[in-house]
Protein backbone atom coordinates (compact mmCIF):
# COMPACT_ATOMS: atom_id res chain seq x y z
CA UNK A 1 105.04 96.48 151.19
CA UNK A 2 105.49 93.64 153.71
CA UNK A 3 109.28 93.57 153.30
CA UNK A 4 109.40 97.35 153.66
CA UNK A 5 107.36 97.14 156.84
CA UNK A 6 109.76 94.58 158.30
CA UNK A 7 112.55 96.95 157.43
CA UNK A 8 110.92 99.77 159.42
CA UNK A 9 110.69 97.80 162.65
CA UNK A 10 114.10 96.17 162.27
CA UNK A 11 115.72 99.42 161.13
CA UNK A 12 114.26 101.33 164.05
CA UNK A 13 115.55 98.72 166.50
CA UNK A 14 119.04 99.01 165.04
CA UNK A 15 118.95 102.82 165.08
CA UNK A 16 117.72 102.86 168.68
CA UNK A 17 120.58 100.57 169.71
CA UNK A 18 122.98 103.23 168.44
CA UNK A 19 121.26 106.51 169.30
CA UNK A 20 119.81 105.93 172.77
CA UNK A 21 123.11 104.86 174.43
CA UNK A 22 124.73 107.88 172.73
CA UNK A 23 122.29 110.45 174.12
CA UNK A 24 125.06 111.85 176.32
CA UNK A 25 126.97 112.74 173.15
CA UNK A 26 123.92 114.25 171.46
CA UNK A 27 123.13 116.34 174.54
CA UNK A 28 126.73 117.45 175.08
CA UNK A 29 127.01 120.38 172.70
CA UNK A 30 130.52 121.86 173.00
CA UNK A 31 130.37 125.61 173.68
CA UNK A 32 133.88 126.36 174.93
CA UNK A 33 137.47 125.30 174.35
CA UNK A 34 137.13 122.84 177.25
CA UNK A 35 136.05 119.32 176.24
CA UNK A 36 132.42 118.44 176.98
CA UNK A 37 131.76 115.80 179.63
CA UNK A 38 131.20 112.98 177.14
CA UNK A 39 134.72 113.39 175.74
CA UNK A 40 136.28 112.88 179.16
CA UNK A 41 133.96 110.14 180.40
CA UNK A 42 134.24 108.16 177.17
CA UNK A 43 138.01 108.66 176.83
CA UNK A 44 137.87 110.65 173.58
CA UNK A 45 139.65 113.83 174.72
CA UNK A 46 143.31 112.91 174.16
CA UNK A 47 142.64 111.39 170.75
CA UNK A 48 140.57 114.30 169.45
CA UNK A 49 143.09 116.81 170.81
CA UNK A 50 145.89 115.06 168.94
CA UNK A 51 144.28 115.39 165.49
CA UNK A 52 146.31 117.57 163.14
CA UNK A 53 144.59 120.45 161.39
CA UNK A 54 144.80 118.55 158.10
CA UNK A 55 143.25 115.42 159.60
CA UNK A 56 140.56 117.49 161.30
CA UNK A 57 139.66 118.98 157.92
CA UNK A 58 139.48 115.50 156.36
CA UNK A 59 137.22 114.24 159.16
CA UNK A 60 134.90 117.17 158.62
CA UNK A 61 134.80 116.68 154.85
CA UNK A 62 134.52 112.87 154.78
CA UNK A 63 132.93 112.17 158.17
CA UNK A 64 134.68 110.94 161.30
CA UNK A 65 133.14 107.47 160.99
CA UNK A 66 134.71 106.95 157.56
CA UNK A 67 138.14 108.13 158.75
CA UNK A 68 138.38 106.31 162.09
CA UNK A 69 139.72 102.95 160.81
CA UNK A 70 142.73 104.76 159.33
CA UNK A 71 143.50 106.90 162.38
CA UNK A 72 146.15 105.56 164.79
CA UNK A 73 145.28 105.78 168.46
CA UNK A 74 141.51 106.00 167.95
CA UNK A 75 139.73 104.67 171.06
CA UNK A 76 138.12 101.28 170.31
CA UNK A 77 134.78 102.49 171.68
CA UNK A 78 134.83 105.44 169.25
CA UNK A 79 135.73 103.14 166.35
CA UNK A 80 132.84 100.85 167.29
CA UNK A 81 130.49 103.82 167.51
CA UNK A 82 131.61 104.98 164.07
CA UNK A 83 131.08 101.53 162.59
CA UNK A 84 127.53 101.42 163.94
CA UNK A 85 126.86 104.94 162.65
CA UNK A 86 127.87 103.88 159.14
CA UNK A 87 125.55 100.86 159.29
CA UNK A 88 122.56 102.94 160.42
CA UNK A 89 123.34 105.69 157.89
CA UNK A 90 123.15 103.11 155.10
CA UNK A 91 119.65 101.93 156.11
CA UNK A 92 117.42 103.98 153.80
CA UNK A 93 116.66 102.44 150.44
CA UNK A 94 117.15 104.60 147.35
CA UNK A 95 113.80 105.06 145.68
CA UNK A 96 113.98 104.17 142.00
CA UNK A 97 112.20 106.62 139.75
CA UNK A 98 110.18 104.54 137.33
CA UNK A 99 108.49 107.26 135.25
CA UNK A 100 111.13 109.96 135.37
CA UNK A 101 108.82 112.97 135.41
CA UNK A 102 110.37 116.02 133.75
CA UNK A 103 108.94 119.45 134.41
CA UNK A 104 109.47 122.61 132.41
CA UNK A 105 111.68 125.14 134.19
CA UNK A 106 109.68 127.96 135.75
CA UNK A 107 110.95 131.36 136.85
CA UNK A 108 109.49 130.92 140.33
CA UNK A 109 111.12 127.49 140.89
CA UNK A 110 114.86 126.92 141.34
CA UNK A 111 116.60 124.08 139.55
CA UNK A 112 117.08 122.23 142.85
CA UNK A 113 113.42 122.68 143.79
CA UNK A 114 112.35 121.45 140.35
CA UNK A 115 114.32 118.22 140.85
CA UNK A 116 112.67 117.70 144.24
CA UNK A 117 109.20 118.24 142.81
CA UNK A 118 109.84 115.78 139.97
CA UNK A 119 111.10 113.10 142.34
CA UNK A 120 108.29 113.51 144.85
CA UNK A 121 105.61 113.44 142.15
CA UNK A 122 107.05 110.12 140.95
CA UNK A 123 107.26 108.77 144.51
CA UNK A 124 103.62 109.46 145.39
CA UNK A 125 102.18 108.43 142.03
CA UNK A 126 100.68 105.06 143.16
CA UNK A 127 98.95 106.68 146.16
CA UNK A 128 97.94 109.80 144.23
CA UNK A 129 96.23 107.75 141.51
CA UNK A 130 93.75 106.34 144.04
CA UNK A 131 93.23 109.56 146.01
CA UNK A 132 90.17 111.74 145.61
CA UNK A 133 92.03 114.72 147.01
CA UNK A 134 95.67 115.62 147.68
CA UNK A 135 96.27 117.77 150.75
CA UNK A 136 99.62 119.57 150.72
CA UNK A 137 100.47 120.66 154.27
CA UNK A 138 102.91 123.56 154.48
CA UNK A 139 102.30 124.29 150.80
CA UNK A 140 104.33 127.49 150.60
CA UNK A 141 103.72 129.05 147.20
CA UNK A 142 101.88 125.92 146.12
CA UNK A 143 104.20 124.47 143.48
CA UNK A 144 103.63 120.83 144.47
CA UNK A 145 99.89 121.41 145.00
CA UNK A 146 99.39 122.80 141.50
CA UNK A 147 101.53 120.19 139.79
CA UNK A 148 99.84 117.32 141.63
CA UNK A 149 96.36 118.59 140.72
CA UNK A 150 97.34 118.74 137.06
CA UNK A 151 99.33 115.51 136.86
CA UNK A 152 96.89 113.32 138.79
CA UNK A 153 93.72 115.09 137.61
CA UNK A 154 92.24 115.46 141.05
CA UNK A 155 91.36 118.12 143.59
CA UNK A 156 94.34 119.47 145.51
CA UNK A 157 94.27 121.60 148.64
CA UNK A 158 97.29 123.57 149.77
CA UNK A 159 97.45 124.48 153.46
CA UNK A 160 99.80 127.29 154.47
CA UNK A 161 99.93 129.54 157.54
CA UNK A 162 101.47 132.59 155.83
CA UNK A 163 98.77 134.71 154.12
CA UNK A 164 101.21 136.22 151.63
CA UNK A 165 102.28 132.78 150.45
CA UNK A 166 98.65 131.71 150.09
CA UNK A 167 97.97 134.85 148.06
CA UNK A 168 100.92 134.07 145.78
CA UNK A 169 99.91 130.41 145.45
CA UNK A 170 96.33 131.33 144.59
CA UNK A 171 97.53 133.74 141.91
CA UNK A 172 99.91 131.20 140.40
CA UNK A 173 97.26 128.46 140.51
CA UNK A 174 94.43 130.44 138.94
CA UNK A 175 92.54 128.24 136.47
CA UNK A 176 93.81 124.96 137.98
CA UNK A 177 92.09 122.42 140.23
CA UNK A 178 94.26 123.52 143.13
CA UNK A 179 92.99 125.79 145.87
CA UNK A 180 94.74 127.25 148.89
CA UNK A 181 93.73 128.19 152.41
CA UNK A 182 95.38 130.01 155.29
CA UNK A 183 95.63 127.61 158.21
CA UNK A 184 98.18 127.07 160.97
CA UNK A 185 98.44 123.30 160.96
CA UNK A 186 100.05 123.24 164.40
CA UNK A 187 97.30 125.21 166.14
CA UNK A 188 94.13 124.71 164.10
CA UNK A 189 92.20 121.53 163.27
CA UNK A 190 93.85 119.49 160.55
CA UNK A 191 91.24 117.07 159.27
CA UNK A 192 91.84 114.47 156.58
CA UNK A 193 89.38 112.13 154.85
CA UNK A 194 90.10 108.42 154.23
CA UNK A 195 90.46 108.97 150.47
CA UNK A 196 92.94 111.84 150.85
CA UNK A 197 96.65 111.71 150.24
CA UNK A 198 98.33 113.87 152.89
CA UNK A 199 101.67 115.30 151.74
CA UNK A 200 104.34 117.27 153.57
CA UNK A 201 107.32 118.33 151.46
CA UNK A 202 109.91 119.39 154.04
CA UNK A 203 107.40 119.65 156.87
CA UNK A 204 109.57 120.95 159.70
CA UNK A 205 109.79 119.65 163.26
CA UNK A 206 106.46 119.36 165.05
CA UNK A 207 104.56 119.73 161.79
CA UNK A 208 105.96 116.42 160.55
CA UNK A 209 104.84 114.67 163.74
CA UNK A 210 101.39 116.24 163.55
CA UNK A 211 100.96 115.29 159.90
CA UNK A 212 101.67 111.64 160.70
CA UNK A 213 99.30 111.50 163.66
CA UNK A 214 96.43 113.35 161.97
CA UNK A 215 96.70 111.28 158.78
CA UNK A 216 96.52 108.11 160.91
CA UNK A 217 93.24 109.29 162.44
CA UNK A 218 91.46 109.32 159.05
CA UNK A 219 93.22 106.99 158.15
CA UNK A 220 94.58 108.16 154.80
CA UNK A 221 97.72 107.64 152.76
CA UNK A 222 100.62 109.91 153.68
CA UNK A 223 103.92 111.05 152.16
CA UNK A 224 106.27 113.05 154.36
CA UNK A 225 109.73 114.44 153.66
CA UNK A 226 111.17 115.60 156.96
CA UNK A 227 113.18 118.76 157.54
CA UNK A 228 114.53 120.94 160.38
CA UNK A 229 113.68 118.50 163.17
CA UNK A 230 114.64 121.07 165.81
CA UNK A 231 111.68 123.33 164.96
CA UNK A 232 109.59 122.32 167.95
CA UNK A 233 108.12 124.45 170.72
CA UNK A 234 108.70 121.94 173.51
CA UNK A 235 112.18 121.53 175.05
CA UNK A 236 112.38 117.99 173.66
CA UNK A 237 110.71 115.76 171.10
CA UNK A 238 108.72 112.86 172.52
CA UNK A 239 108.63 109.65 170.46
CA UNK A 240 105.53 108.64 168.49
CA UNK A 241 106.01 104.87 168.36
CA UNK A 242 105.75 102.39 171.22
CA UNK A 243 109.18 100.96 170.40
CA UNK A 244 110.88 104.35 170.64
CA UNK A 245 109.00 105.23 173.84
CA UNK A 246 110.07 101.98 175.45
CA UNK A 247 113.68 102.65 174.44
CA UNK A 248 113.57 106.18 175.89
CA UNK A 249 114.10 108.14 172.67
CA UNK A 250 113.51 111.64 174.07
CA UNK A 251 115.55 114.07 172.00
CA UNK A 252 116.31 117.60 173.22
CA UNK A 253 115.54 120.42 170.82
CA UNK A 254 119.17 121.45 170.58
CA UNK A 255 120.29 117.91 169.76
CA UNK A 256 117.73 117.68 166.95
CA UNK A 257 119.51 120.52 165.18
CA UNK A 258 122.41 118.14 164.56
CA UNK A 259 120.32 116.41 161.91
CA UNK A 260 120.99 119.37 159.59
CA UNK A 261 124.72 118.61 159.44
CA UNK A 262 126.16 116.83 156.42
CA UNK A 263 129.78 115.75 155.89
CA UNK A 264 130.46 117.16 152.43
CA UNK A 265 133.32 119.21 151.04
CA UNK A 266 130.83 121.17 148.96
CA UNK A 267 127.35 121.60 150.41
CA UNK A 268 124.11 122.44 148.65
CA UNK A 269 124.14 126.10 149.67
CA UNK A 270 127.80 126.67 150.52
CA UNK A 271 131.18 124.97 150.71
CA UNK A 272 132.41 123.34 153.90
CA UNK A 273 134.93 126.16 154.29
CA UNK A 274 132.14 128.75 154.07
CA UNK A 275 130.01 126.87 156.58
CA UNK A 276 132.91 126.58 159.02
CA UNK A 277 133.57 130.30 158.64
CA UNK A 278 129.91 131.02 159.42
CA UNK A 279 130.04 128.79 162.50
CA UNK A 280 133.25 130.52 163.64
CA UNK A 281 131.53 133.91 163.27
CA UNK A 282 128.53 132.68 165.26
CA UNK A 283 130.79 131.48 168.05
CA UNK A 284 132.62 134.82 168.13
CA UNK A 285 129.26 136.59 168.29
CA UNK A 286 128.13 134.45 171.23
CA UNK A 287 131.42 135.22 172.95
CA UNK A 288 130.94 138.97 172.41
CA UNK A 289 127.36 138.91 173.69
CA UNK A 290 128.34 137.02 176.83
CA UNK A 291 131.14 139.51 177.45
CA UNK A 292 128.46 142.20 177.29
CA UNK A 293 126.53 140.40 180.03
CA UNK A 294 123.92 138.77 177.78
CA UNK A 295 122.86 135.32 178.95
CA UNK A 296 122.28 133.12 175.90
CA UNK A 297 121.82 129.41 175.35
CA UNK A 298 123.75 127.76 172.49
CA UNK A 299 122.26 128.90 169.20
CA UNK A 300 120.45 131.88 170.74
CA UNK A 301 123.07 134.32 169.46
CA UNK A 302 121.32 134.26 166.05
CA UNK A 303 117.84 134.99 167.36
CA UNK A 304 116.11 137.30 164.90
CA UNK A 305 118.94 137.02 162.35
CA UNK A 306 118.87 134.97 159.17
CA UNK A 307 121.46 132.21 159.51
CA UNK A 308 122.97 133.08 156.10
CA UNK A 309 124.14 136.41 157.52
CA UNK A 310 126.75 134.52 159.53
CA UNK A 311 128.77 134.21 156.31
CA UNK A 312 129.24 137.98 156.22
CA UNK A 313 131.63 138.35 159.14
CA UNK A 314 131.48 139.23 162.82
CA UNK A 315 131.19 143.00 162.39
CA UNK A 316 127.97 142.69 160.41
CA UNK A 317 126.55 140.04 162.75
CA UNK A 318 127.40 141.99 165.89
CA UNK A 319 125.84 145.18 164.54
CA UNK A 320 122.54 143.38 163.94
CA UNK A 321 122.55 141.33 167.17
CA UNK A 322 123.33 144.30 169.40
CA UNK A 323 120.64 146.48 167.82
CA UNK A 324 118.08 143.70 168.35
CA UNK A 325 119.01 143.62 172.05
CA UNK A 326 119.08 147.39 172.48
CA UNK A 327 122.82 147.47 173.18
CA UNK A 328 125.55 149.87 172.11
CA UNK A 329 127.43 149.06 168.89
CA UNK A 330 130.62 147.02 169.16
CA UNK A 331 133.92 148.84 169.06
CA UNK A 332 136.63 147.91 166.59
CA UNK A 333 138.68 146.59 169.51
CA UNK A 334 135.83 144.31 170.60
CA UNK A 335 135.48 142.90 167.10
CA UNK A 336 139.23 142.22 166.85
CA UNK A 337 139.36 140.58 170.29
CA UNK A 338 136.44 138.24 169.80
CA UNK A 339 137.41 137.34 166.24
CA UNK A 340 140.94 136.41 167.31
CA UNK A 341 140.19 134.65 170.60
CA UNK A 342 137.03 133.09 169.19
CA UNK A 343 138.96 131.57 166.28
CA UNK A 344 141.43 129.89 168.64
CA UNK A 345 138.68 128.48 170.83
CA UNK A 346 136.56 127.46 167.86
CA UNK A 347 139.36 125.27 166.50
CA UNK A 348 139.20 123.28 169.75
CA UNK A 349 135.42 123.08 169.57
CA UNK A 350 135.65 121.66 166.04
CA UNK A 351 137.46 118.63 167.47
CA UNK A 352 134.93 118.09 170.27
CA UNK A 353 132.12 118.33 167.71
CA UNK A 354 133.31 115.41 165.55
CA UNK A 355 131.59 112.57 167.51
CA UNK A 356 128.31 114.49 167.57
CA UNK A 357 128.48 115.27 163.85
CA UNK A 358 129.09 111.57 163.22
CA UNK A 359 125.65 110.88 164.69
CA UNK A 360 123.80 113.51 162.65
CA UNK A 361 122.45 111.20 159.93
CA UNK A 362 121.58 108.36 162.34
CA UNK A 363 119.70 110.93 164.44
CA UNK A 364 117.63 112.01 161.45
CA UNK A 365 117.03 108.38 160.46
CA UNK A 366 115.84 107.33 163.91
CA UNK A 367 113.24 110.14 163.98
CA UNK A 368 111.97 109.24 160.51
CA UNK A 369 111.78 105.56 161.44
CA UNK A 370 109.97 106.45 164.67
CA UNK A 371 107.31 108.19 162.58
CA UNK A 372 107.09 105.29 160.14
CA UNK A 373 106.80 102.80 163.03
CA UNK A 374 104.00 104.88 164.55
CA UNK A 375 102.10 104.44 161.29
CA UNK A 376 102.79 100.70 161.25
CA UNK A 377 101.40 100.40 164.77
CA UNK A 378 98.18 101.90 163.41
CA UNK A 379 97.89 99.32 160.64
CA UNK A 380 99.79 101.09 157.87
CA UNK A 381 102.24 99.61 155.40
CA UNK A 382 105.10 102.09 155.63
CA UNK A 383 108.53 102.51 154.12
CA UNK A 384 111.41 104.94 154.47
CA UNK A 385 113.42 105.88 151.42
CA UNK A 386 115.74 108.51 149.99
CA UNK A 387 113.70 110.32 147.36
CA UNK A 388 116.14 113.05 146.29
CA UNK A 389 119.78 113.14 145.32
CA UNK A 390 121.87 114.69 148.09
CA UNK A 391 122.99 117.54 145.83
CA UNK A 392 119.34 118.55 145.38
CA UNK A 393 118.89 118.55 149.15
CA UNK A 394 120.46 116.41 151.89
CA UNK A 395 117.07 116.47 153.66
CA UNK A 396 115.88 113.66 151.42
CA UNK A 397 114.30 111.04 153.71
CA UNK A 398 110.67 110.27 152.97
CA UNK A 399 108.00 108.19 154.65
CA UNK A 400 105.48 106.66 152.26
CA UNK A 401 102.58 105.23 154.22
CA UNK A 402 99.63 103.29 152.79
CA UNK A 403 96.60 103.42 155.08
CA UNK A 404 94.83 100.24 156.17
CA UNK A 405 91.75 99.44 154.09
CA UNK A 406 88.68 97.55 155.08
CA UNK A 407 88.63 95.51 151.87
CA UNK A 408 91.69 93.60 153.14
């Protein structure tokens, strides 16, 4: 994996060259019809304001970086930024599936989840074959844990903090070599042995960082597919690798949420139109809450509410949000006002958001490479690769790390 290891260090350097100087953009979340500071200071405001509604829709569907060369009047600095974003976004290798594992469809596993399980089982096969035990961190209902135990004929331990999920996993895995325990991997000791394979399939936020660091202590092989980078308790994520620390890669929690954006006309869970409608409803809700005197940070309007509910309209969202805050229900006039005014303002915000959305994939890549580089600094041979097709899940970046061994 020597070539892959060179790629990690060189890829991280390239990603840092893009992301760190653009931290003002990542930190400048637009939350009103007025342009954020980075638009004015970087000279983007007039250009973004001039985009037609049709061109705005194309930029959202195809990505601003891909559209910039064809857009007259685009600021040269924005074009250059878009070009660099495309280069960094193309960094991950596509992992070739050599064995092509095919699983039988199960009632408890969606078709998309089945494809992810098949691909990850193929990806970890070389490390799993030499492992005495596979430790699945954030095991959920234990699908990967059970399948790995059966396929690789070894002990498998699923760690999950939700007792109900552990109960379900234990029931589903009865008679297999998989076992499950209730453990909060962020707050309780997470101990690996040198002959373990530590696995995190969509280990969110801080859990992904912890998995990397604790595996390196053993040291043992590790496979991590990152997800929901913003799920951290601290206000910002501190880098794990020396290179990223030296570059100053400190990423605010809110900025990390950008990594969930994907420029696609049809997303995995919903169409672009549906996602934009949900975002418009969320903005109108935040507007309503602030008019009621509620002080909320960006994103806080959905506290306690499943994000999918935003697709149902403002009336439904407002009813839930106001009950949670002990406030009187919204009147029909309030709903009409904030829907109408919010829609006008949100169309401006969509334009200010384009440069930030352009950096969403590079942001995700730089975090994954930071984790991979942290392993390399501890003697690992590490690689970053796309393990899933984007239509199975756009959160498809994996780190595959082989631990250093004393036999050379």
